[in-house]
Amino acid sequence: MLLRMDRAERLGLTYEEYTLEILERGRHLREEDTERISAIKAARKRRRVRHLD
């Protein structure tokens, strides 16, 4: 768990986002996965905006 938390933090993701990626796609994200990380962050922002509406 601590390893996932550290990796998630280094990538700018939450623990939940990082873990969900592993569970859904079966792979651990790395710093080179910039497109996927950006997509996750964009989805987070969209969820926040919808929540505030």
N, C-alpha and C. Protein backbone atom coordinates (compact mmCIF):
# COMPACT_ATOMS: atom_id res chain seq x y z
N MET A 1 0.83 -1.19 0.00
CA MET A 1 0.00 0.00 0.00
C MET A 1 0.88 1.26 0.00
N LEU A 2 1.90 1.28 0.84
CA LEU A 2 2.76 2.45 0.90
C LEU A 2 3.49 2.68 -0.42
N LEU A 3 3.87 1.60 -1.09
CA LEU A 3 4.53 1.72 -2.38
C LEU A 3 3.59 2.35 -3.40
N ARG A 4 2.34 1.90 -3.41
CA ARG A 4 1.36 2.50 -4.33
C ARG A 4 1.13 3.97 -4.01
N MET A 5 1.05 4.29 -2.74
CA MET A 5 0.84 5.69 -2.35
C MET A 5 2.00 6.56 -2.84
N ASP A 6 3.21 6.07 -2.68
CA ASP A 6 4.38 6.81 -3.12
C ASP A 6 4.39 6.98 -4.63
N ARG A 7 4.11 5.92 -5.36
CA ARG A 7 4.09 6.00 -6.83
C ARG A 7 3.00 6.94 -7.31
N ALA A 8 1.83 6.84 -6.71
CA ALA A 8 0.72 7.71 -7.08
C ALA A 8 1.09 9.17 -6.86
N GLU A 9 1.66 9.46 -5.72
CA GLU A 9 2.04 10.83 -5.41
C GLU A 9 3.08 11.36 -6.39
N ARG A 10 4.06 10.54 -6.75
CA ARG A 10 5.08 10.98 -7.70
C ARG A 10 4.49 11.28 -9.07
N LEU A 11 3.39 10.59 -9.42
CA LEU A 11 2.75 10.80 -10.72
C LEU A 11 1.68 11.89 -10.68
N GLY A 12 1.40 12.41 -9.49
CA GLY A 12 0.38 13.44 -9.37
C GLY A 12 -1.03 12.88 -9.33
N LEU A 13 -1.15 11.60 -8.96
CA LEU A 13 -2.45 10.94 -8.88
C LEU A 13 -2.78 10.64 -7.43
N THR A 14 -4.05 10.38 -7.19
CA THR A 14 -4.43 9.91 -5.86
C THR A 14 -4.17 8.41 -5.78
N TYR A 15 -4.13 7.91 -4.56
CA TYR A 15 -3.96 6.48 -4.36
C TYR A 15 -5.09 5.72 -5.06
N GLU A 16 -6.31 6.24 -4.94
CA GLU A 16 -7.46 5.59 -5.54
C GLU A 16 -7.35 5.55 -7.06
N GLU A 17 -6.93 6.65 -7.66
CA GLU A 17 -6.78 6.69 -9.12
C GLU A 17 -5.73 5.69 -9.59
N TYR A 18 -4.62 5.65 -8.89
CA TYR A 18 -3.53 4.75 -9.26
C TYR A 18 -3.97 3.29 -9.11
N THR A 19 -4.60 2.97 -8.00
CA THR A 19 -5.05 1.60 -7.75
C THR A 19 -6.12 1.19 -8.75
N LEU A 20 -7.04 2.07 -9.07
CA LEU A 20 -8.09 1.76 -10.03
C LEU A 20 -7.49 1.44 -11.40
N GLU A 21 -6.44 2.15 -11.76
CA GLU A 21 -5.77 1.89 -13.04
C GLU A 21 -5.20 0.46 -13.06
N ILE A 22 -4.62 0.05 -11.95
CA ILE A 22 -4.09 -1.31 -11.85
C ILE A 22 -5.21 -2.33 -11.97
N LEU A 23 -6.29 -2.10 -11.24
CA LEU A 23 -7.41 -3.05 -11.23
C LEU A 23 -8.12 -3.13 -12.58
N GLU A 24 -8.33 -1.97 -13.21
CA GLU A 24 -9.08 -1.95 -14.47
C GLU A 24 -8.24 -2.36 -15.67
N ARG A 25 -6.99 -1.94 -15.71
CA ARG A 25 -6.17 -2.17 -16.89
C ARG A 25 -5.05 -3.18 -16.68
N GLY A 26 -4.82 -3.56 -15.44
CA GLY A 26 -3.82 -4.58 -15.15
C GLY A 26 -2.39 -4.13 -15.34
N ARG A 27 -2.16 -2.83 -15.21
CA ARG A 27 -0.79 -2.35 -15.37
C ARG A 27 -0.51 -1.20 -14.43
N HIS A 28 0.74 -1.11 -14.03
CA HIS A 28 1.20 -0.03 -13.17
C HIS A 28 1.66 1.12 -14.05
N LEU A 29 1.19 2.31 -13.74
CA LEU A 29 1.60 3.49 -14.51
C LEU A 29 3.02 3.87 -14.15
N ARG A 30 3.71 4.41 -15.15
CA ARG A 30 5.07 4.92 -14.96
C ARG A 30 5.11 6.36 -15.45
N GLU A 31 6.19 7.03 -15.16
CA GLU A 31 6.32 8.44 -15.56
C GLU A 31 6.21 8.61 -17.07
N GLU A 32 6.55 7.59 -17.83
CA GLU A 32 6.48 7.67 -19.30
C GLU A 32 5.05 7.62 -19.82
N ASP A 33 4.10 7.24 -18.98
CA ASP A 33 2.70 7.12 -19.40
C ASP A 33 1.98 8.46 -19.31
N THR A 34 2.58 9.47 -19.89
CA THR A 34 2.08 10.83 -19.74
C THR A 34 0.66 11.02 -20.29
N GLU A 35 0.35 10.38 -21.41
CA GLU A 35 -0.99 10.55 -21.99
C GLU A 35 -2.06 10.00 -21.06
N ARG A 36 -1.83 8.81 -20.52
CA ARG A 36 -2.83 8.19 -19.64
C ARG A 36 -2.95 8.97 -18.34
N ILE A 37 -1.84 9.42 -17.79
CA ILE A 37 -1.87 10.20 -16.56
C ILE A 37 -2.63 11.51 -16.78
N SER A 38 -2.39 12.15 -17.90
CA SER A 38 -3.11 13.38 -18.24
C SER A 38 -4.61 13.13 -18.36
N ALA A 39 -4.98 12.00 -18.95
CA ALA A 39 -6.39 11.66 -19.11
C ALA A 39 -7.05 11.45 -17.75
N ILE A 40 -6.35 10.81 -16.84
CA ILE A 40 -6.90 10.58 -15.49
C ILE A 40 -7.09 11.91 -14.78
N LYS A 41 -6.12 12.80 -14.89
CA LYS A 41 -6.22 14.11 -14.24
C LYS A 41 -7.35 14.94 -14.85
N ALA A 42 -7.52 14.86 -16.17
CA ALA A 42 -8.60 15.59 -16.83
C ALA A 42 -9.96 15.07 -16.38
N ALA A 43 -10.08 13.76 -16.23
CA ALA A 43 -11.34 13.17 -15.77
C ALA A 43 -11.63 13.63 -14.34
N ARG A 44 -10.61 13.76 -13.54
CA ARG A 44 -10.77 14.23 -12.16
C ARG A 44 -11.34 15.65 -12.17
N LYS A 45 -10.79 16.49 -13.03
CA LYS A 45 -11.27 17.87 -13.11
C LYS A 45 -12.72 17.93 -13.59
N ARG A 46 -13.07 17.08 -14.56
CA ARG A 46 -14.45 17.06 -15.05
C ARG A 46 -15.41 16.62 -13.95
N ARG A 47 -15.00 15.63 -13.16
CA ARG A 47 -15.86 15.18 -12.06
C ARG A 47 -16.06 16.28 -11.03
N ARG A 48 -15.00 17.04 -10.77
CA ARG A 48 -15.09 18.14 -9.81
C ARG A 48 -16.05 19.21 -10.29
N VAL A 49 -15.96 19.55 -11.56
CA VAL A 49 -16.82 20.59 -12.13
C VAL A 49 -18.27 20.14 -12.09
N ARG A 50 -18.54 18.90 -12.46
CA ARG A 50 -19.92 18.40 -12.41
C ARG A 50 -20.45 18.40 -10.98
N HIS A 51 -19.60 18.06 -10.04
CA HIS A 51 -20.01 18.01 -8.64
C HIS A 51 -20.38 19.41 -8.14
N LEU A 52 -19.72 20.43 -8.63
CA LEU A 52 -19.99 21.80 -8.17
C LEU A 52 -21.24 22.38 -8.81
N ASP A 53 -21.66 21.82 -9.95
CA ASP A 53 -22.85 22.36 -10.64
C ASP A 53 -24.12 22.08 -9.90
